[in-house]
Amino acid sequence: MSEAHAAAAEPTWQGGGTPFAVGLKKFGMWLFIVSDSLTFSALLIAYSYVRAANDWPTPFHFFPSIVFATVMTLFLLSSSLTMVYGVSAAHHGARRAAVKWIWATAVLGAVFVALHSYEWLHLMRDEGMYPWQNRYGSPLFGGTFFLITGLHMFHVITGIAYLAIVALGYRRGKWTPEDVEVAGLYWHFVDLVWMFVFPLIYLLSTSVD
């Protein structure tokens, strides 16, 4: 067979929604995750540099700060588990169960946000820590702390809204199991980011007194 005939016999992509053997929605979410990973990576690397170059405070006591943050982490990790159940139920055609698991994920995320907001209020009211000043003599600590944790909390709040929209749309049959899976990718990414933020910002700034 000549090269011309061989080239003609090879299948070519004729358009459609899966040019990379993956749905466009999932592919788009992966692109977003990669780009957002670069954003958080840059922030955490900058935080590490600033921390190493300055006399960094250790304001977090084991109780209540670390215990409280650990409880927040457990709620967020639990939400990843419920999201896995939701995606699995969607792929098995159990629409009602999938919707329940998605709502459970959103509720656990909301609890995380509520606890995190309470912690912020505690730090401001009782510890005198603000983004622009604190009593530890290191203004950069408050600025970087509130920037990184605030950006993460914004992602969680956005994810809660996203999950609510997916749950409502999937319950009405407007969205597919792939849409649920794409939402799950976003939520797992948010949880994964926190697993870097928690030890780097909280655990490494724990007071040993």
N, C-alpha and C. Protein backbone atom coordinates (compact mmCIF):
# COMPACT_ATOMS: atom_id res chain seq x y z
N MET A 1 0.86 -1.20 0.00
CA MET A 1 0.00 0.00 0.00
C MET A 1 0.89 1.24 0.00
N SER A 2 0.58 2.17 -0.90
CA SER A 2 1.39 3.39 -0.99
C SER A 2 1.15 4.28 0.22
N GLU A 3 2.06 5.25 0.40
CA GLU A 3 1.92 6.18 1.53
C GLU A 3 0.65 7.00 1.41
N ALA A 4 0.28 7.35 0.16
CA ALA A 4 -0.94 8.13 -0.05
C ALA A 4 -2.17 7.36 0.36
N HIS A 5 -2.21 6.04 -0.01
CA HIS A 5 -3.35 5.21 0.38
C HIS A 5 -3.38 4.99 1.89
N ALA A 6 -2.20 4.83 2.50
CA ALA A 6 -2.14 4.63 3.96
C ALA A 6 -2.65 5.86 4.70
N ALA A 7 -2.25 7.05 4.22
CA ALA A 7 -2.72 8.28 4.87
C ALA A 7 -4.22 8.45 4.72
N ALA A 8 -4.73 8.05 3.55
CA ALA A 8 -6.17 8.17 3.33
C ALA A 8 -6.96 7.21 4.19
N ALA A 9 -6.34 6.05 4.53
CA ALA A 9 -7.04 5.05 5.32
C ALA A 9 -7.08 5.40 6.80
N GLU A 10 -6.18 6.28 7.28
CA GLU A 10 -6.15 6.64 8.68
C GLU A 10 -7.36 7.50 9.04
N PRO A 11 -8.02 7.19 10.18
CA PRO A 11 -9.18 7.99 10.58
C PRO A 11 -8.75 9.38 11.01
N THR A 12 -9.53 10.35 10.66
CA THR A 12 -9.26 11.73 11.06
C THR A 12 -10.41 12.23 11.90
N TRP A 13 -10.08 13.19 12.78
CA TRP A 13 -11.12 13.75 13.64
C TRP A 13 -12.02 14.67 12.83
N GLN A 14 -13.31 14.41 12.88
CA GLN A 14 -14.29 15.16 12.10
C GLN A 14 -15.05 16.19 12.93
N GLY A 15 -14.48 16.57 14.05
CA GLY A 15 -15.17 17.51 14.92
C GLY A 15 -15.92 16.77 16.01
N GLY A 16 -16.57 17.50 16.87
CA GLY A 16 -17.30 16.88 17.97
C GLY A 16 -16.81 17.38 19.31
N GLY A 17 -17.36 16.78 20.36
CA GLY A 17 -17.10 17.27 21.71
C GLY A 17 -15.99 16.58 22.44
N THR A 18 -15.33 15.57 21.83
CA THR A 18 -14.28 14.86 22.54
C THR A 18 -13.01 14.74 21.69
N PRO A 19 -12.38 15.85 21.35
CA PRO A 19 -11.17 15.78 20.51
C PRO A 19 -9.99 15.14 21.22
N PHE A 20 -9.99 15.12 22.55
CA PHE A 20 -8.89 14.52 23.30
C PHE A 20 -9.36 13.28 24.07
N ALA A 21 -10.40 12.63 23.54
CA ALA A 21 -10.98 11.44 24.18
C ALA A 21 -11.48 11.76 25.58
N VAL A 22 -11.85 12.99 25.81
CA VAL A 22 -12.42 13.41 27.09
C VAL A 22 -13.40 14.54 26.79
N GLY A 23 -14.48 14.61 27.56
CA GLY A 23 -15.48 15.65 27.33
C GLY A 23 -14.88 17.05 27.46
N LEU A 24 -15.43 17.98 26.71
CA LEU A 24 -14.91 19.34 26.74
C LEU A 24 -15.07 19.98 28.12
N LYS A 25 -16.15 19.65 28.80
CA LYS A 25 -16.35 20.21 30.15
C LYS A 25 -15.26 19.73 31.10
N LYS A 26 -14.98 18.44 31.05
CA LYS A 26 -13.94 17.89 31.93
C LYS A 26 -12.57 18.44 31.55
N PHE A 27 -12.32 18.55 30.25
CA PHE A 27 -11.04 19.08 29.80
C PHE A 27 -10.88 20.53 30.24
N GLY A 28 -11.95 21.31 30.12
CA GLY A 28 -11.90 22.70 30.56
C GLY A 28 -11.65 22.82 32.05
N MET A 29 -12.27 21.92 32.84
CA MET A 29 -12.04 21.95 34.28
C MET A 29 -10.60 21.60 34.61
N TRP A 30 -10.02 20.64 33.91
CA TRP A 30 -8.63 20.30 34.14
C TRP A 30 -7.71 21.47 33.82
N LEU A 31 -8.02 22.20 32.76
CA LEU A 31 -7.22 23.39 32.44
C LEU A 31 -7.32 24.43 33.54
N PHE A 32 -8.54 24.61 34.07
CA PHE A 32 -8.73 25.56 35.17
C PHE A 32 -7.94 25.12 36.40
N ILE A 33 -7.99 23.82 36.71
CA ILE A 33 -7.29 23.31 37.89
C ILE A 33 -5.79 23.52 37.76
N VAL A 34 -5.26 23.26 36.58
CA VAL A 34 -3.82 23.47 36.37
C VAL A 34 -3.45 24.93 36.56
N SER A 35 -4.23 25.83 35.97
CA SER A 35 -3.92 27.26 36.09
C SER A 35 -4.07 27.75 37.53
N ASP A 36 -5.10 27.27 38.21
CA ASP A 36 -5.32 27.70 39.60
C ASP A 36 -4.27 27.09 40.53
N SER A 37 -3.79 25.91 40.19
CA SER A 37 -2.71 25.30 40.96
C SER A 37 -1.46 26.17 40.90
N LEU A 38 -1.21 26.74 39.74
CA LEU A 38 -0.06 27.64 39.61
C LEU A 38 -0.21 28.87 40.49
N THR A 39 -1.45 29.37 40.58
CA THR A 39 -1.71 30.55 41.42
C THR A 39 -1.42 30.24 42.88
N PHE A 40 -1.98 29.15 43.39
CA PHE A 40 -1.75 28.79 44.80
C PHE A 40 -0.30 28.41 45.04
N SER A 41 0.33 27.76 44.07
CA SER A 41 1.74 27.40 44.23
C SER A 41 2.60 28.64 44.37
N ALA A 42 2.33 29.65 43.54
CA ALA A 42 3.09 30.90 43.61
C ALA A 42 2.89 31.58 44.96
N LEU A 43 1.66 31.59 45.45
CA LEU A 43 1.38 32.22 46.75
C LEU A 43 2.08 31.47 47.89
N LEU A 44 2.02 30.16 47.86
CA LEU A 44 2.63 29.38 48.95
C LEU A 44 4.16 29.45 48.90
N ILE A 45 4.72 29.50 47.70
CA ILE A 45 6.17 29.65 47.58
C ILE A 45 6.59 31.04 48.09
N ALA A 46 5.83 32.06 47.71
CA ALA A 46 6.12 33.41 48.21
C ALA A 46 5.99 33.47 49.72
N TYR A 47 4.96 32.81 50.26
CA TYR A 47 4.78 32.77 51.72
C TYR A 47 5.99 32.11 52.38
N SER A 48 6.45 31.01 51.82
CA SER A 48 7.59 30.30 52.39
C SER A 48 8.84 31.17 52.37
N TYR A 49 9.03 31.92 51.29
CA TYR A 49 10.20 32.81 51.20
C TYR A 49 10.12 33.92 52.25
N VAL A 50 8.95 34.55 52.34
CA VAL A 50 8.78 35.63 53.32
C VAL A 50 8.96 35.10 54.73
N ARG A 51 8.46 33.91 54.98
CA ARG A 51 8.58 33.31 56.30
C ARG A 51 10.05 33.06 56.65
N ALA A 52 10.82 32.56 55.68
CA ALA A 52 12.22 32.25 55.93
C ALA A 52 13.07 33.52 56.08
N ALA A 53 12.64 34.60 55.44
CA ALA A 53 13.43 35.83 55.44
C ALA A 53 13.10 36.76 56.60
N ASN A 54 12.13 36.41 57.41
CA ASN A 54 11.72 37.29 58.51
C ASN A 54 11.62 36.50 59.81
N ASP A 55 11.56 37.25 60.90
CA ASP A 55 11.34 36.65 62.22
C ASP A 55 9.85 36.34 62.33
N TRP A 56 9.48 35.13 62.01
CA TRP A 56 8.07 34.77 61.87
C TRP A 56 7.45 34.41 63.20
N PRO A 57 6.25 34.94 63.48
CA PRO A 57 5.59 34.63 64.75
C PRO A 57 4.98 33.22 64.75
N THR A 58 4.71 32.73 65.93
CA THR A 58 4.01 31.44 66.08
C THR A 58 2.78 31.66 66.96
N PRO A 59 1.72 32.22 66.40
CA PRO A 59 0.58 32.64 67.22
C PRO A 59 -0.42 31.55 67.54
N PHE A 60 -0.32 30.40 66.87
CA PHE A 60 -1.36 29.39 67.02
C PHE A 60 -1.00 28.40 68.12
N HIS A 61 -1.78 28.41 69.18
CA HIS A 61 -1.61 27.45 70.26
C HIS A 61 -2.35 26.15 69.90
N PHE A 62 -1.87 25.06 70.48
CA PHE A 62 -2.49 23.77 70.16
C PHE A 62 -3.99 23.80 70.45
N PHE A 63 -4.34 24.41 71.58
CA PHE A 63 -5.76 24.60 71.90
C PHE A 63 -5.99 26.08 72.19
N PRO A 64 -6.93 26.71 71.49
CA PRO A 64 -7.91 26.07 70.61
C PRO A 64 -7.58 26.10 69.12
N SER A 65 -6.53 26.85 68.73
CA SER A 65 -6.33 27.14 67.31
C SER A 65 -6.13 25.88 66.46
N ILE A 66 -5.16 25.06 66.83
CA ILE A 66 -4.84 23.88 66.01
C ILE A 66 -5.97 22.86 66.08
N VAL A 67 -6.53 22.67 67.26
CA VAL A 67 -7.66 21.74 67.38
C VAL A 67 -8.83 22.22 66.52
N PHE A 68 -9.09 23.50 66.56
CA PHE A 68 -10.20 24.08 65.79
C PHE A 68 -9.94 23.91 64.29
N ALA A 69 -8.71 24.21 63.86
CA ALA A 69 -8.37 24.07 62.44
C ALA A 69 -8.42 22.61 62.00
N THR A 70 -8.08 21.71 62.91
CA THR A 70 -8.14 20.27 62.58
C THR A 70 -9.58 19.83 62.37
N VAL A 71 -10.48 20.34 63.19
CA VAL A 71 -11.90 20.02 63.01
C VAL A 71 -12.39 20.55 61.67
N MET A 72 -11.98 21.76 61.31
CA MET A 72 -12.33 22.30 60.00
C MET A 72 -11.84 21.39 58.89
N THR A 73 -10.61 20.90 59.04
CA THR A 73 -10.02 20.03 58.02
C THR A 73 -10.80 18.73 57.90
N LEU A 74 -11.24 18.18 59.02
CA LEU A 74 -12.01 16.93 58.99
C LEU A 74 -13.33 17.12 58.25
N PHE A 75 -13.96 18.26 58.45
CA PHE A 75 -15.22 18.53 57.73
C PHE A 75 -14.96 18.61 56.22
N LEU A 76 -13.86 19.26 55.85
CA LEU A 76 -13.56 19.40 54.43
C LEU A 76 -13.19 18.06 53.80
N LEU A 77 -12.42 17.24 54.52
CA LEU A 77 -12.07 15.92 54.00
C LEU A 77 -13.31 15.04 53.89
N SER A 78 -14.22 15.16 54.85
CA SER A 78 -15.46 14.39 54.78
C SER A 78 -16.28 14.79 53.57
N SER A 79 -16.21 16.06 53.19
CA SER A 79 -16.97 16.51 52.03
C SER A 79 -16.41 15.89 50.74
N SER A 80 -15.12 15.60 50.71
CA SER A 80 -14.55 14.92 49.54
C SER A 80 -15.11 13.50 49.44
N LEU A 81 -15.29 12.85 50.58
CA LEU A 81 -15.85 11.50 50.59
C LEU A 81 -17.29 11.49 50.09
N THR A 82 -18.10 12.43 50.58
CA THR A 82 -19.49 12.49 50.12
C THR A 82 -19.56 12.83 48.63
N MET A 83 -18.60 13.61 48.14
CA MET A 83 -18.58 13.94 46.71
C MET A 83 -18.27 12.70 45.88
N VAL A 84 -17.38 11.85 46.38
CA VAL A 84 -17.09 10.58 45.70
C VAL A 84 -18.34 9.73 45.60
N TYR A 85 -19.10 9.66 46.69
CA TYR A 85 -20.36 8.89 46.67
C TYR A 85 -21.35 9.50 45.68
N GLY A 86 -21.38 10.83 45.61
CA GLY A 86 -22.29 11.49 44.68
C GLY A 86 -21.95 11.19 43.24
N VAL A 87 -20.67 11.25 42.88
CA VAL A 87 -20.25 10.95 41.52
C VAL A 87 -20.53 9.49 41.18
N SER A 88 -20.25 8.59 42.12
CA SER A 88 -20.51 7.18 41.89
C SER A 88 -21.99 6.91 41.68
N ALA A 89 -22.84 7.52 42.49
CA ALA A 89 -24.28 7.33 42.35
C ALA A 89 -24.77 7.86 41.01
N ALA A 90 -24.21 9.00 40.56
CA ALA A 90 -24.61 9.57 39.28
C ALA A 90 -24.25 8.64 38.13
N HIS A 91 -23.08 8.05 38.18
CA HIS A 91 -22.66 7.15 37.11
C HIS A 91 -23.43 5.82 37.12
N HIS A 92 -24.02 5.49 38.26
CA HIS A 92 -24.83 4.27 38.35
C HIS A 92 -26.31 4.55 38.11
N GLY A 93 -26.64 5.78 37.76
CA GLY A 93 -28.02 6.12 37.45
C GLY A 93 -28.91 6.37 38.65
N ALA A 94 -28.33 6.42 39.85
CA ALA A 94 -29.11 6.68 41.06
C ALA A 94 -29.22 8.18 41.26
N ARG A 95 -30.13 8.80 40.53
CA ARG A 95 -30.21 10.25 40.50
C ARG A 95 -30.53 10.83 41.88
N ARG A 96 -31.50 10.26 42.56
CA ARG A 96 -31.91 10.81 43.86
C ARG A 96 -30.78 10.71 44.88
N ALA A 97 -30.10 9.57 44.89
CA ALA A 97 -28.98 9.41 45.83
C ALA A 97 -27.85 10.37 45.50
N ALA A 98 -27.59 10.56 44.21
CA ALA A 98 -26.52 11.49 43.81
C ALA A 98 -26.82 12.90 44.29
N VAL A 99 -28.05 13.32 44.13
CA VAL A 99 -28.43 14.68 44.56
C VAL A 99 -28.25 14.83 46.06
N LYS A 100 -28.62 13.80 46.83
CA LYS A 100 -28.47 13.87 48.29
C LYS A 100 -27.00 13.99 48.68
N TRP A 101 -26.15 13.22 48.02
CA TRP A 101 -24.72 13.28 48.35
C TRP A 101 -24.12 14.62 47.95
N ILE A 102 -24.57 15.18 46.85
CA ILE A 102 -24.06 16.51 46.44
C ILE A 102 -24.46 17.57 47.46
N TRP A 103 -25.72 17.51 47.92
CA TRP A 103 -26.16 18.47 48.94
C TRP A 103 -25.40 18.26 50.24
N ALA A 104 -25.10 17.01 50.60
CA ALA A 104 -24.32 16.73 51.80
C ALA A 104 -22.93 17.35 51.69
N THR A 105 -22.35 17.27 50.51
CA THR A 105 -21.04 17.88 50.27
C THR A 105 -21.12 19.40 50.46
N ALA A 106 -22.15 20.01 49.90
CA ALA A 106 -22.32 21.45 50.02
C ALA A 106 -22.50 21.87 51.48
N VAL A 107 -23.25 21.09 52.24
CA VAL A 107 -23.48 21.40 53.66
C VAL A 107 -22.17 21.32 54.44
N LEU A 108 -21.38 20.28 54.20
CA LEU A 108 -20.09 20.15 54.89
C LEU A 108 -19.17 21.31 54.52
N GLY A 109 -19.21 21.72 53.26
CA GLY A 109 -18.43 22.88 52.84
C GLY A 109 -18.89 24.15 53.55
N ALA A 110 -20.20 24.29 53.73
CA ALA A 110 -20.74 25.45 54.42
C ALA A 110 -20.32 25.46 55.89
N VAL A 111 -20.25 24.28 56.50
CA VAL A 111 -19.78 24.20 57.89
C VAL A 111 -18.32 24.65 57.97
N PHE A 112 -17.52 24.22 57.00
CA PHE A 112 -16.12 24.65 56.96
C PHE A 112 -16.02 26.18 56.88
N VAL A 113 -16.82 26.79 56.01
CA VAL A 113 -16.80 28.24 55.87
C VAL A 113 -17.23 28.92 57.16
N ALA A 114 -18.27 28.38 57.80
CA ALA A 114 -18.75 28.97 59.06
C ALA A 114 -17.68 28.90 60.14
N LEU A 115 -17.01 27.75 60.26
CA LEU A 115 -15.95 27.60 61.26
C LEU A 115 -14.77 28.51 60.95
N HIS A 116 -14.45 28.61 59.68
CA HIS A 116 -13.32 29.45 59.28
C HIS A 116 -13.63 30.93 59.56
N SER A 117 -14.85 31.33 59.28
CA SER A 117 -15.26 32.72 59.55
C SER A 117 -15.21 33.02 61.03
N TYR A 118 -15.66 32.05 61.85
CA TYR A 118 -15.59 32.24 63.31
C TYR A 118 -14.14 32.37 63.76
N GLU A 119 -13.25 31.57 63.16
CA GLU A 119 -11.84 31.64 63.52
C GLU A 119 -11.26 33.02 63.17
N TRP A 120 -11.62 33.53 62.00
CA TRP A 120 -11.17 34.87 61.62
C TRP A 120 -11.62 35.91 62.64
N LEU A 121 -12.88 35.84 63.05
CA LEU A 121 -13.40 36.78 64.05
C LEU A 121 -12.64 36.67 65.36
N HIS A 122 -12.33 35.43 65.75
CA HIS A 122 -11.57 35.21 66.98
C HIS A 122 -10.19 35.83 66.89
N LEU A 123 -9.52 35.63 65.76
CA LEU A 123 -8.18 36.19 65.59
C LEU A 123 -8.20 37.72 65.61
N MET A 124 -9.23 38.31 65.01
CA MET A 124 -9.32 39.77 64.98
C MET A 124 -9.71 40.34 66.35
N ARG A 125 -10.70 39.71 66.96
CA ARG A 125 -11.24 40.27 68.19
C ARG A 125 -10.38 39.97 69.40
N ASP A 126 -9.89 38.73 69.52
CA ASP A 126 -9.17 38.31 70.72
C ASP A 126 -7.65 38.37 70.57
N GLU A 127 -7.15 38.18 69.35
CA GLU A 127 -5.71 38.14 69.14
C GLU A 127 -5.17 39.43 68.51
N GLY A 128 -6.08 40.32 68.07
CA GLY A 128 -5.63 41.57 67.47
C GLY A 128 -4.89 41.39 66.16
N MET A 129 -5.25 40.35 65.41
CA MET A 129 -4.56 40.08 64.15
C MET A 129 -5.43 40.51 62.98
N TYR A 130 -4.90 41.39 62.16
CA TYR A 130 -5.59 41.91 60.98
C TYR A 130 -4.67 41.78 59.77
N PRO A 131 -5.21 41.95 58.57
CA PRO A 131 -4.34 41.87 57.39
C PRO A 131 -3.25 42.94 57.38
N TRP A 132 -3.48 44.08 58.01
CA TRP A 132 -2.53 45.19 57.94
C TRP A 132 -1.71 45.36 59.22
N GLN A 133 -2.07 44.70 60.31
CA GLN A 133 -1.30 44.84 61.54
C GLN A 133 -1.60 43.68 62.48
N ASN A 134 -0.69 43.46 63.42
CA ASN A 134 -0.90 42.47 64.48
C ASN A 134 0.05 42.78 65.63
N ARG A 135 -0.15 42.11 66.72
CA ARG A 135 0.65 42.40 67.91
C ARG A 135 1.96 41.62 67.95
N TYR A 136 2.26 40.89 66.86
CA TYR A 136 3.47 40.07 66.84
C TYR A 136 4.65 40.80 66.19
N GLY A 137 4.41 42.02 65.71
CA GLY A 137 5.49 42.79 65.12
C GLY A 137 5.86 42.36 63.71
N SER A 138 4.99 41.60 63.06
CA SER A 138 5.27 41.15 61.69
C SER A 138 4.01 41.34 60.85
N PRO A 139 3.82 42.53 60.28
CA PRO A 139 2.61 42.80 59.49
C PRO A 139 2.44 41.83 58.33
N LEU A 140 3.55 41.33 57.77
CA LEU A 140 3.45 40.41 56.64
C LEU A 140 2.73 39.12 57.02
N PHE A 141 2.81 38.74 58.30
CA PHE A 141 2.15 37.50 58.71
C PHE A 141 0.64 37.61 58.52
N GLY A 142 0.05 38.69 59.02
CA GLY A 142 -1.39 38.86 58.87
C GLY A 142 -1.80 38.99 57.42
N GLY A 143 -1.02 39.74 56.64
CA GLY A 143 -1.36 39.92 55.24
C GLY A 143 -1.34 38.63 54.47
N THR A 144 -0.30 37.84 54.63
CA THR A 144 -0.21 36.57 53.90
C THR A 144 -1.21 35.55 54.41
N PHE A 145 -1.44 35.55 55.72
CA PHE A 145 -2.41 34.59 56.29
C PHE A 145 -3.81 34.84 55.73
N PHE A 146 -4.26 36.07 55.80
CA PHE A 146 -5.61 36.37 55.35
C PHE A 146 -5.74 36.28 53.83
N LEU A 147 -4.67 36.57 53.10
CA LEU A 147 -4.72 36.47 51.64
C LEU A 147 -4.90 35.02 51.20
N ILE A 148 -4.06 34.14 51.72
CA ILE A 148 -4.09 32.75 51.26
C ILE A 148 -5.33 32.03 51.77
N THR A 149 -5.62 32.15 53.06
CA THR A 149 -6.80 31.46 53.59
C THR A 149 -8.08 32.09 53.04
N GLY A 150 -8.06 33.40 52.81
CA GLY A 150 -9.24 34.05 52.24
C GLY A 150 -9.48 33.62 50.80
N LEU A 151 -8.41 33.49 50.01
CA LEU A 151 -8.56 33.03 48.64
C LEU A 151 -9.09 31.60 48.61
N HIS A 152 -8.60 30.79 49.52
CA HIS A 152 -9.11 29.41 49.57
C HIS A 152 -10.57 29.38 49.98
N MET A 153 -10.93 30.20 50.98
CA MET A 153 -12.32 30.22 51.42
C MET A 153 -13.23 30.73 50.30
N PHE A 154 -12.75 31.66 49.49
CA PHE A 154 -13.52 32.12 48.33
C PHE A 154 -13.78 30.96 47.38
N HIS A 155 -12.78 30.12 47.16
CA HIS A 155 -12.96 28.96 46.29
C HIS A 155 -13.99 27.99 46.88
N VAL A 156 -13.97 27.83 48.20
CA VAL A 156 -14.95 26.94 48.83
C VAL A 156 -16.36 27.50 48.66
N ILE A 157 -16.54 28.80 48.89
CA ILE A 157 -17.86 29.42 48.73
C ILE A 157 -18.34 29.29 47.29
N THR A 158 -17.43 29.53 46.34
CA THR A 158 -17.78 29.34 44.93
C THR A 158 -18.17 27.91 44.65
N GLY A 159 -17.44 26.97 45.25
CA GLY A 159 -17.76 25.56 45.07
C GLY A 159 -19.11 25.18 45.63
N ILE A 160 -19.49 25.76 46.76
CA ILE A 160 -20.81 25.49 47.35
C ILE A 160 -21.91 25.94 46.40
N ALA A 161 -21.76 27.13 45.84
CA ALA A 161 -22.74 27.63 44.86
C ALA A 161 -22.78 26.73 43.63
N TYR A 162 -21.62 26.31 43.18
CA TYR A 162 -21.51 25.42 42.03
C TYR A 162 -22.23 24.10 42.29
N LEU A 163 -21.99 23.52 43.47
CA LEU A 163 -22.64 22.26 43.82
C LEU A 163 -24.15 22.41 43.91
N ALA A 164 -24.61 23.53 44.43
CA ALA A 164 -26.06 23.75 44.52
C ALA A 164 -26.69 23.81 43.13
N ILE A 165 -26.01 24.48 42.20
CA ILE A 165 -26.53 24.56 40.84
C ILE A 165 -26.54 23.19 40.18
N VAL A 166 -25.47 22.42 40.40
CA VAL A 166 -25.39 21.07 39.83
C VAL A 166 -26.48 20.17 40.41
N ALA A 167 -26.68 20.25 41.72
CA ALA A 167 -27.69 19.41 42.36
C ALA A 167 -29.08 19.72 41.81
N LEU A 168 -29.40 20.99 41.67
CA LEU A 168 -30.72 21.37 41.16
C LEU A 168 -30.88 20.96 39.69
N GLY A 169 -29.84 21.19 38.90
CA GLY A 169 -29.93 20.84 37.49
C GLY A 169 -29.96 19.35 37.26
N TYR A 170 -29.19 18.61 38.04
CA TYR A 170 -29.17 17.15 37.86
C TYR A 170 -30.48 16.52 38.33
N ARG A 171 -31.06 17.07 39.38
CA ARG A 171 -32.35 16.55 39.85
C ARG A 171 -33.44 16.72 38.80
N ARG A 172 -33.37 17.81 38.04
CA ARG A 172 -34.38 18.07 37.00
C ARG A 172 -34.06 17.39 35.68
N GLY A 173 -32.94 16.66 35.63
CA GLY A 173 -32.59 15.96 34.42
C GLY A 173 -31.93 16.81 33.35
N LYS A 174 -31.56 18.03 33.70
CA LYS A 174 -30.95 18.92 32.71
C LYS A 174 -29.46 18.66 32.55
N TRP A 175 -28.82 18.12 33.59
CA TRP A 175 -27.39 17.88 33.55
C TRP A 175 -27.11 16.39 33.60
N THR A 176 -25.91 16.01 33.19
CA THR A 176 -25.53 14.61 33.04
C THR A 176 -24.58 14.18 34.17
N PRO A 177 -24.32 12.87 34.27
CA PRO A 177 -23.32 12.42 35.25
C PRO A 177 -21.95 13.04 35.04
N GLU A 178 -21.63 13.39 33.79
CA GLU A 178 -20.35 14.05 33.54
C GLU A 178 -20.29 15.40 34.23
N ASP A 179 -21.41 16.12 34.26
CA ASP A 179 -21.45 17.41 34.95
C ASP A 179 -21.18 17.24 36.44
N VAL A 180 -21.73 16.17 37.01
CA VAL A 180 -21.49 15.89 38.43
C VAL A 180 -20.01 15.57 38.65
N GLU A 181 -19.43 14.80 37.73
CA GLU A 181 -18.02 14.45 37.86
C GLU A 181 -17.12 15.68 37.75
N VAL A 182 -17.46 16.59 36.85
CA VAL A 182 -16.68 17.82 36.69
C VAL A 182 -16.74 18.66 37.96
N ALA A 183 -17.93 18.75 38.55
CA ALA A 183 -18.06 19.47 39.82
C ALA A 183 -17.23 18.80 40.90
N GLY A 184 -17.18 17.47 40.86
CA GLY A 184 -16.36 16.74 41.82
C GLY A 184 -14.88 17.04 41.67
N LEU A 185 -14.42 17.19 40.43
CA LEU A 185 -13.02 17.54 40.20
C LEU A 185 -12.67 18.87 40.86
N TYR A 186 -13.56 19.84 40.69
CA TYR A 186 -13.32 21.15 41.31
C TYR A 186 -13.27 21.03 42.83
N TRP A 187 -14.21 20.28 43.38
CA TRP A 187 -14.28 20.18 44.84
C TRP A 187 -13.07 19.46 45.41
N HIS A 188 -12.62 18.40 44.75
CA HIS A 188 -11.44 17.69 45.22
C HIS A 188 -10.20 18.58 45.14
N PHE A 189 -10.15 19.43 44.12
CA PHE A 189 -9.04 20.36 44.01
C PHE A 189 -9.01 21.33 45.19
N VAL A 190 -10.18 21.85 45.55
CA VAL A 190 -10.27 22.77 46.69
C VAL A 190 -9.80 22.08 47.96
N ASP A 191 -10.20 20.83 48.16
CA ASP A 191 -9.77 20.08 49.33
C ASP A 191 -8.27 19.85 49.31
N LEU A 192 -7.73 19.53 48.15
CA LEU A 192 -6.29 19.26 48.04
C LEU A 192 -5.47 20.51 48.37
N VAL A 193 -5.92 21.66 47.92
CA VAL A 193 -5.21 22.90 48.22
C VAL A 193 -5.14 23.11 49.73
N TRP A 194 -6.24 22.84 50.42
CA TRP A 194 -6.25 23.03 51.87
C TRP A 194 -5.24 22.12 52.56
N MET A 195 -4.97 20.94 52.00
CA MET A 195 -4.01 20.02 52.60
C MET A 195 -2.58 20.54 52.49
N PHE A 196 -2.35 21.56 51.67
CA PHE A 196 -1.07 22.26 51.66
C PHE A 196 -1.12 23.49 52.56
N VAL A 197 -2.25 24.18 52.56
CA VAL A 197 -2.38 25.40 53.36
C VAL A 197 -2.35 25.08 54.85
N PHE A 198 -3.05 24.04 55.26
CA PHE A 198 -3.17 23.72 56.69
C PHE A 198 -1.82 23.47 57.36
N PRO A 199 -0.99 22.56 56.83
CA PRO A 199 0.30 22.36 57.52
C PRO A 199 1.27 23.52 57.37
N LEU A 200 1.28 24.16 56.19
CA LEU A 200 2.26 25.21 55.95
C LEU A 200 1.98 26.47 56.76
N ILE A 201 0.72 26.82 56.90
CA ILE A 201 0.38 28.07 57.58
C ILE A 201 0.04 27.84 59.05
N TYR A 202 -0.68 26.77 59.34
CA TYR A 202 -1.11 26.54 60.72
C TYR A 202 -0.07 25.75 61.53
N LEU A 203 0.24 24.54 61.07
CA LEU A 203 1.08 23.66 61.87
C LEU A 203 2.48 24.21 62.06
N LEU A 204 3.05 24.84 61.02
CA LEU A 204 4.39 25.38 61.15
C LEU A 204 4.44 26.68 61.96
N SER A 205 3.27 27.22 62.28
CA SER A 205 3.22 28.45 63.10
C SER A 205 2.62 28.16 64.47
N THR A 206 2.75 26.92 64.90
CA THR A 206 2.20 26.52 66.20
C THR A 206 3.17 26.89 67.31
N SER A 207 2.64 27.49 68.36
CA SER A 207 3.44 27.86 69.52
C SER A 207 3.75 26.61 70.33
N VAL A 208 5.00 26.47 70.77
CA VAL A 208 5.39 25.32 71.58
C VAL A 208 5.36 25.63 73.07
N ASP A 209 4.94 26.84 73.41
CA ASP A 209 4.88 27.23 74.82
C ASP A 209 3.72 26.55 75.52
